[in-house]
Amino acid sequence: MVTKSKTKKRVTTFDELIESRHGKIGTKKRIEFEIKAKSFAIGEIIKEERRLANMTQDELADKTGTKKSFISRIENGHSDIQLSTLFRLIELGLGKKVSLTIE
């Protein structure tokens, strides 16, 4: 027999969940999390653009003078990327333009 709980669970928003795990906006812990999240997002963008260009990681690495393992680490969010490398991968390797916005 299944019984219903007498207590209701509080519905948590995504923002509340992030705040509970990584701190309030502006704290060191939250900033570090957001930097890692953005690094992961950049890797996903590179992976998607590479796939749209019908390129393998090996081909992108050869075209940009890097190694396949480095491309893999970037695409999986396991490596920091210098801006010069980002521009080289996107512009030289994939033939796209990078646009940055600072808010």
PDB file of N, CA and C in Angstrom:
ATOM      1  N   MET A   1       0.831  -1.170   0.000  1.00  0.00           N
ATOM      2  CA  MET A   1       0.000   0.000   0.000  1.00  0.00           C
ATOM      3  C   MET A   1       0.883   1.244   0.000  1.00  0.00           C
ATOM      4  N   VAL A   2       0.575   2.208  -0.857  1.00  0.00           N
ATOM      5  CA  VAL A   2       1.331   3.452  -0.961  1.00  0.00           C
ATOM      6  C   VAL A   2       0.610   4.523  -0.173  1.00  0.00           C
ATOM      7  N   THR A   3       1.349   5.184   0.688  1.00  0.00           N
ATOM      8  CA  THR A   3       0.743   6.270   1.464  1.00  0.00           C
ATOM      9  C   THR A   3       1.336   7.589   1.022  1.00  0.00           C
ATOM     10  N   LYS A   4       0.522   8.611   1.096  1.00  0.00           N
ATOM     11  CA  LYS A   4       0.980   9.945   0.743  1.00  0.00           C
ATOM     12  C   LYS A   4       1.599  10.606   1.958  1.00  0.00           C
ATOM     13  N   SER A   5       2.633  11.355   1.710  1.00  0.00           N
ATOM     14  CA  SER A   5       3.293  12.079   2.789  1.00  0.00           C
ATOM     15  C   SER A   5       2.401  13.213   3.254  1.00  0.00           C
ATOM     16  N   LYS A   6       2.371  13.428   4.549  1.00  0.00           N
ATOM     17  CA  LYS A   6       1.570  14.520   5.125  1.00  0.00           C
ATOM     18  C   LYS A   6       2.245  15.875   4.947  1.00  0.00           C
ATOM     19  N   THR A   7       3.574  15.863   4.741  1.00  0.00           N
ATOM     20  CA  THR A   7       4.281  17.131   4.572  1.00  0.00           C
ATOM     21  C   THR A   7       4.513  17.372   3.098  1.00  0.00           C
ATOM     22  N   LYS A   8       4.386  18.623   2.708  1.00  0.00           N
ATOM     23  CA  LYS A   8       4.623  18.984   1.313  1.00  0.00           C
ATOM     24  C   LYS A   8       6.047  19.483   1.170  1.00  0.00           C
ATOM     25  N   LYS A   9       6.675  19.061   0.105  1.00  0.00           N
ATOM     26  CA  LYS A   9       8.021  19.539  -0.170  1.00  0.00           C
ATOM     27  C   LYS A   9       7.946  20.927  -0.784  1.00  0.00           C
ATOM     28  N   ARG A  10       8.885  21.748  -0.403  1.00  0.00           N
ATOM     29  CA  ARG A  10       8.951  23.099  -0.935  1.00  0.00           C
ATOM     30  C   ARG A  10       9.486  23.034  -2.359  1.00  0.00           C
ATOM     31  N   VAL A  11       8.814  23.668  -3.267  1.00  0.00           N
ATOM     32  CA  VAL A  11       9.270  23.719  -4.645  1.00  0.00           C
ATOM     33  C   VAL A  11      10.431  24.707  -4.711  1.00  0.00           C
ATOM     34  N   THR A  12      11.523  24.275  -5.290  1.00  0.00           N
ATOM     35  CA  THR A  12      12.700  25.113  -5.388  1.00  0.00           C
ATOM     36  C   THR A  12      12.914  25.520  -6.839  1.00  0.00           C
ATOM     37  N   THR A  13      13.152  26.790  -7.053  1.00  0.00           N
ATOM     38  CA  THR A  13      13.442  27.249  -8.407  1.00  0.00           C
ATOM     39  C   THR A  13      14.893  26.931  -8.737  1.00  0.00           C
ATOM     40  N   PHE A  14      15.214  27.013  -9.992  1.00  0.00           N
ATOM     41  CA  PHE A  14      16.589  26.777 -10.421  1.00  0.00           C
ATOM     42  C   PHE A  14      17.525  27.787  -9.762  1.00  0.00           C
ATOM     43  N   ASP A  15      17.115  29.049  -9.720  1.00  0.00           N
ATOM     44  CA  ASP A  15      17.945  30.084  -9.093  1.00  0.00           C
ATOM     45  C   ASP A  15      18.191  29.785  -7.618  1.00  0.00           C
ATOM     46  N   GLU A  16      17.166  29.314  -6.910  1.00  0.00           N
ATOM     47  CA  GLU A  16      17.331  28.969  -5.492  1.00  0.00           C
ATOM     48  C   GLU A  16      18.274  27.780  -5.327  1.00  0.00           C
ATOM     49  N   LEU A  17      18.177  26.835  -6.220  1.00  0.00           N
ATOM     50  CA  LEU A  17      19.054  25.670  -6.175  1.00  0.00           C
ATOM     51  C   LEU A  17      20.508  26.081  -6.391  1.00  0.00           C
ATOM     52  N   ILE A  18      20.746  26.900  -7.400  1.00  0.00           N
ATOM     53  CA  ILE A  18      22.111  27.373  -7.674  1.00  0.00           C
ATOM     54  C   ILE A  18      22.643  28.166  -6.485  1.00  0.00           C
ATOM     55  N   GLU A  19      21.808  29.029  -5.909  1.00  0.00           N
ATOM     56  CA  GLU A  19      22.241  29.832  -4.762  1.00  0.00           C
ATOM     57  C   GLU A  19      22.566  28.949  -3.558  1.00  0.00           C
ATOM     58  N   SER A  20      21.767  27.913  -3.330  1.00  0.00           N
ATOM     59  CA  SER A  20      22.018  27.051  -2.173  1.00  0.00           C
ATOM     60  C   SER A  20      23.309  26.246  -2.337  1.00  0.00           C
ATOM     61  N   ARG A  21      23.649  25.909  -3.570  1.00  0.00           N
ATOM     62  CA  ARG A  21      24.852  25.111  -3.812  1.00  0.00           C
ATOM     63  C   ARG A  21      26.113  25.945  -4.027  1.00  0.00           C
ATOM     64  N   HIS A  22      25.943  27.141  -4.613  1.00  0.00           N
ATOM     65  CA  HIS A  22      27.122  27.904  -5.032  1.00  0.00           C
ATOM     66  C   HIS A  22      27.186  29.312  -4.453  1.00  0.00           C
ATOM     67  N   GLY A  23      26.258  29.654  -3.581  1.00  0.00           N
ATOM     68  CA  GLY A  23      26.301  30.956  -2.927  1.00  0.00           C
ATOM     69  C   GLY A  23      25.540  32.037  -3.675  1.00  0.00           C
ATOM     70  N   LYS A  24      25.432  33.158  -3.018  1.00  0.00           N
ATOM     71  CA  LYS A  24      24.721  34.300  -3.603  1.00  0.00           C
ATOM     72  C   LYS A  24      25.550  34.922  -4.716  1.00  0.00           C
ATOM     73  N   ILE A  25      24.862  35.597  -5.635  1.00  0.00           N
ATOM     74  CA  ILE A  25      25.515  36.292  -6.730  1.00  0.00           C
ATOM     75  C   ILE A  25      26.520  37.287  -6.155  1.00  0.00           C
ATOM     76  N   GLY A  26      27.727  37.268  -6.706  1.00  0.00           N
ATOM     77  CA  GLY A  26      28.771  38.188  -6.266  1.00  0.00           C
ATOM     78  C   GLY A  26      29.750  37.598  -5.268  1.00  0.00           C
ATOM     79  N   THR A  27      29.402  36.456  -4.661  1.00  0.00           N
ATOM     80  CA  THR A  27      30.339  35.833  -3.731  1.00  0.00           C
ATOM     81  C   THR A  27      31.425  35.109  -4.522  1.00  0.00           C
ATOM     82  N   LYS A  28      32.564  34.904  -3.882  1.00  0.00           N
ATOM     83  CA  LYS A  28      33.686  34.249  -4.545  1.00  0.00           C
ATOM     84  C   LYS A  28      33.300  32.860  -5.050  1.00  0.00           C
ATOM     85  N   LYS A  29      32.608  32.102  -4.220  1.00  0.00           N
ATOM     86  CA  LYS A  29      32.200  30.746  -4.595  1.00  0.00           C
ATOM     87  C   LYS A  29      31.286  30.774  -5.824  1.00  0.00           C
ATOM     88  N   ARG A  30      30.363  31.709  -5.877  1.00  0.00           N
ATOM     89  CA  ARG A  30      29.426  31.812  -7.003  1.00  0.00           C
ATOM     90  C   ARG A  30      30.153  32.246  -8.271  1.00  0.00           C
ATOM     91  N   ILE A  31      31.065  33.201  -8.144  1.00  0.00           N
ATOM     92  CA  ILE A  31      31.824  33.662  -9.303  1.00  0.00           C
ATOM     93  C   ILE A  31      32.655  32.521  -9.883  1.00  0.00           C
ATOM     94  N   GLU A  32      33.292  31.735  -9.019  1.00  0.00           N
ATOM     95  CA  GLU A  32      34.084  30.588  -9.490  1.00  0.00           C
ATOM     96  C   GLU A  32      33.202  29.579 -10.214  1.00  0.00           C
ATOM     97  N   PHE A  33      31.995  29.330  -9.689  1.00  0.00           N
ATOM     98  CA  PHE A  33      31.059  28.427 -10.361  1.00  0.00           C
ATOM     99  C   PHE A  33      30.669  28.970 -11.732  1.00  0.00           C
ATOM    100  N   GLU A  34      30.355  30.267 -11.793  1.00  0.00           N
ATOM    101  CA  GLU A  34      29.916  30.862 -13.063  1.00  0.00           C
ATOM    102  C   GLU A  34      31.032  30.843 -14.106  1.00  0.00           C
ATOM    103  N   ILE A  35      32.264  31.028 -13.665  1.00  0.00           N
ATOM    104  CA  ILE A  35      33.396  30.953 -14.600  1.00  0.00           C
ATOM    105  C   ILE A  35      33.503  29.541 -15.177  1.00  0.00           C
ATOM    106  N   LYS A  36      33.383  28.532 -14.322  1.00  0.00           N
ATOM    107  CA  LYS A  36      33.436  27.141 -14.804  1.00  0.00           C
ATOM    108  C   LYS A  36      32.260  26.842 -15.735  1.00  0.00           C
ATOM    109  N   ALA A  37      31.093  27.353 -15.408  1.00  0.00           N
ATOM    110  CA  ALA A  37      29.913  27.127 -16.247  1.00  0.00           C
ATOM    111  C   ALA A  37      30.097  27.762 -17.626  1.00  0.00           C
ATOM    112  N   LYS A  38      30.682  28.947 -17.656  1.00  0.00           N
ATOM    113  CA  LYS A  38      30.906  29.620 -18.943  1.00  0.00           C
ATOM    114  C   LYS A  38      31.990  28.915 -19.746  1.00  0.00           C
ATOM    115  N   SER A  39      33.000  28.383 -19.078  1.00  0.00           N
ATOM    116  CA  SER A  39      34.025  27.606 -19.774  1.00  0.00           C
ATOM    117  C   SER A  39      33.407  26.373 -20.416  1.00  0.00           C
ATOM    118  N   PHE A  40      32.509  25.717 -19.680  1.00  0.00           N
ATOM    119  CA  PHE A  40      31.806  24.559 -20.224  1.00  0.00           C
ATOM    120  C   PHE A  40      30.975  24.968 -21.436  1.00  0.00           C
ATOM    121  N   ALA A  41      30.286  26.111 -21.341  1.00  0.00           N
ATOM    122  CA  ALA A  41      29.444  26.587 -22.446  1.00  0.00           C
ATOM    123  C   ALA A  41      30.285  26.889 -23.686  1.00  0.00           C
ATOM    124  N   ILE A  42      31.460  27.478 -23.498  1.00  0.00           N
ATOM    125  CA  ILE A  42      32.353  27.750 -24.630  1.00  0.00           C
ATOM    126  C   ILE A  42      32.756  26.437 -25.296  1.00  0.00           C
ATOM    127  N   GLY A  43      33.059  25.431 -24.499  1.00  0.00           N
ATOM    128  CA  GLY A  43      33.398  24.121 -25.051  1.00  0.00           C
ATOM    129  C   GLY A  43      32.263  23.530 -25.870  1.00  0.00           C
ATOM    130  N   GLU A  44      31.045  23.697 -25.379  1.00  0.00           N
ATOM    131  CA  GLU A  44      29.873  23.195 -26.113  1.00  0.00           C
ATOM    132  C   GLU A  44      29.683  23.938 -27.432  1.00  0.00           C
ATOM    133  N   ILE A  45      29.941  25.240 -27.428  1.00  0.00           N
ATOM    134  CA  ILE A  45      29.829  26.032 -28.658  1.00  0.00           C
ATOM    135  C   ILE A  45      30.860  25.561 -29.676  1.00  0.00           C
ATOM    136  N   ILE A  46      32.086  25.367 -29.218  1.00  0.00           N
ATOM    137  CA  ILE A  46      33.142  24.896 -30.126  1.00  0.00           C
ATOM    138  C   ILE A  46      32.786  23.527 -30.685  1.00  0.00           C
ATOM    139  N   LYS A  47      32.305  22.636 -29.830  1.00  0.00           N
ATOM    140  CA  LYS A  47      31.924  21.291 -30.281  1.00  0.00           C
ATOM    141  C   LYS A  47      30.821  21.365 -31.340  1.00  0.00           C
ATOM    142  N   GLU A  48      29.798  22.178 -31.090  1.00  0.00           N
ATOM    143  CA  GLU A  48      28.683  22.290 -32.034  1.00  0.00           C
ATOM    144  C   GLU A  48      29.140  22.901 -33.360  1.00  0.00           C
ATOM    145  N   GLU A  49      29.949  23.938 -33.304  1.00  0.00           N
ATOM    146  CA  GLU A  49      30.436  24.567 -34.538  1.00  0.00           C
ATOM    147  C   GLU A  49      31.341  23.606 -35.324  1.00  0.00           C
ATOM    148  N   ARG A  50      32.133  22.830 -34.609  1.00  0.00           N
ATOM    149  CA  ARG A  50      32.981  21.835 -35.280  1.00  0.00           C
ATOM    150  C   ARG A  50      32.124  20.800 -35.982  1.00  0.00           C
ATOM    151  N   ARG A  51      31.094  20.354 -35.309  1.00  0.00           N
ATOM    152  CA  ARG A  51      30.189  19.355 -35.915  1.00  0.00           C
ATOM    153  C   ARG A  51      29.463  19.941 -37.127  1.00  0.00           C
ATOM    154  N   LEU A  52      29.017  21.199 -37.017  1.00  0.00           N
ATOM    155  CA  LEU A  52      28.349  21.851 -38.146  1.00  0.00           C
ATOM    156  C   LEU A  52      29.289  21.995 -39.340  1.00  0.00           C
ATOM    157  N   ALA A  53      30.577  22.130 -39.061  1.00  0.00           N
ATOM    158  CA  ALA A  53      31.581  22.221 -40.124  1.00  0.00           C
ATOM    159  C   ALA A  53      32.008  20.841 -40.627  1.00  0.00           C
ATOM    160  N   ASN A  54      31.383  19.792 -40.094  1.00  0.00           N
ATOM    161  CA  ASN A  54      31.711  18.407 -40.471  1.00  0.00           C
ATOM    162  C   ASN A  54      33.200  18.114 -40.293  1.00  0.00           C
ATOM    163  N   MET A  55      33.733  18.552 -39.143  1.00  0.00           N
ATOM    164  CA  MET A  55      35.144  18.331 -38.836  1.00  0.00           C
ATOM    165  C   MET A  55      35.270  17.409 -37.636  1.00  0.00           C
ATOM    166  N   THR A  56      36.313  16.618 -37.642  1.00  0.00           N
ATOM    167  CA  THR A  56      36.644  15.816 -36.462  1.00  0.00           C
ATOM    168  C   THR A  56      37.529  16.657 -35.549  1.00  0.00           C
ATOM    169  N   GLN A  57      37.714  16.184 -34.336  1.00  0.00           N
ATOM    170  CA  GLN A  57      38.637  16.859 -33.432  1.00  0.00           C
ATOM    171  C   GLN A  57      40.048  16.841 -34.010  1.00  0.00           C
ATOM    172  N   ASP A  58      40.427  15.747 -34.636  1.00  0.00           N
ATOM    173  CA  ASP A  58      41.750  15.648 -35.272  1.00  0.00           C
ATOM    174  C   ASP A  58      41.925  16.709 -36.350  1.00  0.00           C
ATOM    175  N   GLU A  59      40.900  16.877 -37.179  1.00  0.00           N
ATOM    176  CA  GLU A  59      40.989  17.853 -38.268  1.00  0.00           C
ATOM    177  C   GLU A  59      41.103  19.277 -37.724  1.00  0.00           C
ATOM    178  N   LEU A  60      40.314  19.591 -36.697  1.00  0.00           N
ATOM    179  CA  LEU A  60      40.392  20.932 -36.100  1.00  0.00           C
ATOM    180  C   LEU A  60      41.750  21.147 -35.451  1.00  0.00           C
ATOM    181  N   ALA A  61      42.254  20.141 -34.787  1.00  0.00           N
ATOM    182  CA  ALA A  61      43.574  20.242 -34.155  1.00  0.00           C
ATOM    183  C   ALA A  61      44.659  20.465 -35.205  1.00  0.00           C
ATOM    184  N   ASP A  62      44.626  19.714 -36.298  1.00  0.00           N
ATOM    185  CA  ASP A  62      45.619  19.871 -37.367  1.00  0.00           C
ATOM    186  C   ASP A  62      45.550  21.269 -37.978  1.00  0.00           C
ATOM    187  N   LYS A  63      44.361  21.752 -38.185  1.00  0.00           N
ATOM    188  CA  LYS A  63      44.169  23.060 -38.821  1.00  0.00           C
ATOM    189  C   LYS A  63      44.640  24.202 -37.933  1.00  0.00           C
ATOM    190  N   THR A  64      44.623  24.008 -36.624  1.00  0.00           N
ATOM    191  CA  THR A  64      44.953  25.094 -35.702  1.00  0.00           C
ATOM    192  C   THR A  64      46.256  24.879 -34.952  1.00  0.00           C
ATOM    193  N   GLY A  65      46.976  23.818 -35.262  1.00  0.00           N
ATOM    194  CA  GLY A  65      48.269  23.576 -34.635  1.00  0.00           C
ATOM    195  C   GLY A  65      48.180  23.151 -33.180  1.00  0.00           C
ATOM    196  N   THR A  66      47.095  22.474 -32.823  1.00  0.00           N
ATOM    197  CA  THR A  66      46.945  21.960 -31.464  1.00  0.00           C
ATOM    198  C   THR A  66      46.873  20.436 -31.538  1.00  0.00           C
ATOM    199  N   LYS A  67      46.522  19.819 -30.422  1.00  0.00           N
ATOM    200  CA  LYS A  67      46.384  18.362 -30.380  1.00  0.00           C
ATOM    201  C   LYS A  67      44.921  17.988 -30.169  1.00  0.00           C
ATOM    202  N   LYS A  68      44.563  16.806 -30.665  1.00  0.00           N
ATOM    203  CA  LYS A  68      43.204  16.309 -30.501  1.00  0.00           C
ATOM    204  C   LYS A  68      42.827  16.261 -29.026  1.00  0.00           C
ATOM    205  N   SER A  69      43.745  15.842 -28.174  1.00  0.00           N
ATOM    206  CA  SER A  69      43.447  15.732 -26.742  1.00  0.00           C
ATOM    207  C   SER A  69      43.112  17.097 -26.146  1.00  0.00           C
ATOM    208  N   PHE A  70      43.768  18.155 -26.642  1.00  0.00           N
ATOM    209  CA  PHE A  70      43.472  19.507 -26.171  1.00  0.00           C
ATOM    210  C   PHE A  70      42.070  19.932 -26.605  1.00  0.00           C
ATOM    211  N   ILE A  71      41.718  19.663 -27.852  1.00  0.00           N
ATOM    212  CA  ILE A  71      40.368  19.975 -28.352  1.00  0.00           C
ATOM    213  C   ILE A  71      39.335  19.236 -27.511  1.00  0.00           C
ATOM    214  N   SER A  72      39.592  17.974 -27.226  1.00  0.00           N
ATOM    215  CA  SER A  72      38.677  17.164 -26.421  1.00  0.00           C
ATOM    216  C   SER A  72      38.498  17.755 -25.024  1.00  0.00           C
ATOM    217  N   ARG A  73      39.598  18.155 -24.385  1.00  0.00           N
ATOM    218  CA  ARG A  73      39.507  18.733 -23.036  1.00  0.00           C
ATOM    219  C   ARG A  73      38.700  20.029 -23.052  1.00  0.00           C
ATOM    220  N   ILE A  74      38.888  20.854 -24.070  1.00  0.00           N
ATOM    221  CA  ILE A  74      38.128  22.105 -24.171  1.00  0.00           C
ATOM    222  C   ILE A  74      36.650  21.793 -24.366  1.00  0.00           C
ATOM    223  N   GLU A  75      36.342  20.901 -25.294  1.00  0.00           N
ATOM    224  CA  GLU A  75      34.945  20.578 -25.592  1.00  0.00           C
ATOM    225  C   GLU A  75      34.233  19.944 -24.407  1.00  0.00           C
ATOM    226  N   ASN A  76      34.975  19.301 -23.537  1.00  0.00           N
ATOM    227  CA  ASN A  76      34.364  18.662 -22.367  1.00  0.00           C
ATOM    228  C   ASN A  76      34.459  19.510 -21.103  1.00  0.00           C
ATOM    229  N   GLY A  77      34.918  20.749 -21.249  1.00  0.00           N
ATOM    230  CA  GLY A  77      34.978  21.664 -20.117  1.00  0.00           C
ATOM    231  C   GLY A  77      36.048  21.332 -19.105  1.00  0.00           C
ATOM    232  N   HIS A  78      37.096  20.627 -19.528  1.00  0.00           N
ATOM    233  CA  HIS A  78      38.156  20.215 -18.610  1.00  0.00           C
ATOM    234  C   HIS A  78      39.442  21.008 -18.781  1.00  0.00           C
ATOM    235  N   SER A  79      39.384  22.104 -19.526  1.00  0.00           N
ATOM    236  CA  SER A  79      40.591  22.894 -19.738  1.00  0.00           C
ATOM    237  C   SER A  79      40.220  24.351 -19.899  1.00  0.00           C
ATOM    238  N   ASP A  80      41.001  25.221 -19.272  1.00  0.00           N
ATOM    239  CA  ASP A  80      40.842  26.646 -19.514  1.00  0.00           C
ATOM    240  C   ASP A  80      41.380  26.940 -20.900  1.00  0.00           C
ATOM    241  N   ILE A  81      40.838  27.967 -21.508  1.00  0.00           N
ATOM    242  CA  ILE A  81      41.264  28.313 -22.854  1.00  0.00           C
ATOM    243  C   ILE A  81      41.666  29.783 -22.869  1.00  0.00           C
ATOM    244  N   GLN A  82      42.827  30.059 -23.435  1.00  0.00           N
ATOM    245  CA  GLN A  82      43.262  31.445 -23.585  1.00  0.00           C
ATOM    246  C   GLN A  82      42.474  32.081 -24.721  1.00  0.00           C
ATOM    247  N   LEU A  83      42.310  33.386 -24.648  1.00  0.00           N
ATOM    248  CA  LEU A  83      41.572  34.080 -25.706  1.00  0.00           C
ATOM    249  C   LEU A  83      42.220  33.879 -27.069  1.00  0.00           C
ATOM    250  N   SER A  84      43.548  33.900 -27.125  1.00  0.00           N
ATOM    251  CA  SER A  84      44.220  33.708 -28.407  1.00  0.00           C
ATOM    252  C   SER A  84      43.897  32.329 -28.988  1.00  0.00           C
ATOM    253  N   THR A  85      43.806  31.334 -28.135  1.00  0.00           N
ATOM    254  CA  THR A  85      43.459  29.985 -28.590  1.00  0.00           C
ATOM    255  C   THR A  85      42.003  29.930 -29.034  1.00  0.00           C
ATOM    256  N   LEU A  86      41.130  30.581 -28.305  1.00  0.00           N
ATOM    257  CA  LEU A  86      39.713  30.637 -28.685  1.00  0.00           C
ATOM    258  C   LEU A  86      39.563  31.249 -30.072  1.00  0.00           C
ATOM    259  N   PHE A  87      40.224  32.382 -30.290  1.00  0.00           N
ATOM    260  CA  PHE A  87      40.146  33.029 -31.602  1.00  0.00           C
ATOM    261  C   PHE A  87      40.731  32.129 -32.688  1.00  0.00           C
ATOM    262  N   ARG A  88      41.839  31.464 -32.399  1.00  0.00           N
ATOM    263  CA  ARG A  88      42.460  30.578 -33.388  1.00  0.00           C
ATOM    264  C   ARG A  88      41.529  29.419 -33.751  1.00  0.00           C
ATOM    265  N   LEU A  89      40.902  28.813 -32.749  1.00  0.00           N
ATOM    266  CA  LEU A  89      39.995  27.688 -33.013  1.00  0.00           C
ATOM    267  C   LEU A  89      38.779  28.126 -33.818  1.00  0.00           C
ATOM    268  N   ILE A  90      38.163  29.218 -33.388  1.00  0.00           N
ATOM    269  CA  ILE A  90      36.925  29.673 -34.038  1.00  0.00           C
ATOM    270  C   ILE A  90      37.198  30.310 -35.399  1.00  0.00           C
ATOM    271  N   GLU A  91      38.143  31.227 -35.448  1.00  0.00           N
ATOM    272  CA  GLU A  91      38.339  31.985 -36.680  1.00  0.00           C
ATOM    273  C   GLU A  91      39.197  31.264 -37.702  1.00  0.00           C
ATOM    274  N   LEU A  92      40.345  30.749 -37.287  1.00  0.00           N
ATOM    275  CA  LEU A  92      41.212  30.029 -38.210  1.00  0.00           C
ATOM    276  C   LEU A  92      40.688  28.628 -38.480  1.00  0.00           C
ATOM    277  N   GLY A  93      40.328  27.918 -37.419  1.00  0.00           N
ATOM    278  CA  GLY A  93      39.912  26.530 -37.569  1.00  0.00           C
ATOM    279  C   GLY A  93      38.527  26.344 -38.159  1.00  0.00           C
ATOM    280  N   LEU A  94      37.584  27.182 -37.730  1.00  0.00           N
ATOM    281  CA  LEU A  94      36.194  26.982 -38.145  1.00  0.00           C
ATOM    282  C   LEU A  94      35.672  28.053 -39.102  1.00  0.00           C
ATOM    283  N   GLY A  95      36.479  29.081 -39.348  1.00  0.00           N
ATOM    284  CA  GLY A  95      36.066  30.115 -40.299  1.00  0.00           C
ATOM    285  C   GLY A  95      34.936  30.996 -39.806  1.00  0.00           C
ATOM    286  N   LYS A  96      34.779  31.105 -38.508  1.00  0.00           N
ATOM    287  CA  LYS A  96      33.722  31.929 -37.912  1.00  0.00           C
ATOM    288  C   LYS A  96      34.356  33.140 -37.246  1.00  0.00           C
ATOM    289  N   LYS A  97      33.541  34.060 -36.756  1.00  0.00           N
ATOM    290  CA  LYS A  97      34.014  35.240 -36.044  1.00  0.00           C
ATOM    291  C   LYS A  97      33.558  35.146 -34.582  1.00  0.00           C
ATOM    292  N   VAL A  98      34.403  35.616 -33.685  1.00  0.00           N
ATOM    293  CA  VAL A  98      34.072  35.665 -32.266  1.00  0.00           C
ATOM    294  C   VAL A  98      33.581  37.055 -31.920  1.00  0.00           C
ATOM    295  N   SER A  99      32.511  37.111 -31.163  1.00  0.00           N
ATOM    296  CA  SER A  99      31.963  38.391 -30.689  1.00  0.00           C
ATOM    297  C   SER A  99      31.798  38.274 -29.183  1.00  0.00           C
ATOM    298  N   LEU A 100      32.390  39.196 -28.433  1.00  0.00           N
ATOM    299  CA  LEU A 100      32.308  39.185 -26.979  1.00  0.00           C
ATOM    300  C   LEU A 100      31.476  40.362 -26.494  1.00  0.00           C
ATOM    301  N   THR A 101      30.716  40.127 -25.439  1.00  0.00           N
ATOM    302  CA  THR A 101      29.922  41.175 -24.827  1.00  0.00           C
ATOM    303  C   THR A 101      30.272  41.250 -23.364  1.00  0.00           C
ATOM    304  N   ILE A 102      30.500  42.460 -22.873  1.00  0.00           N
ATOM    305  CA  ILE A 102      30.741  42.675 -21.449  1.00  0.00           C
ATOM    306  C   ILE A 102      29.575  43.462 -20.903  1.00  0.00           C
ATOM    307  N   GLU A 103      28.971  42.952 -19.843  1.00  0.00           N
ATOM    308  CA  GLU A 103      27.800  43.623 -19.263  1.00  0.00           C
ATOM    309  C   GLU A 103      28.152  44.275 -17.958  1.00  0.00           C
TER     310      GLU A 103
END
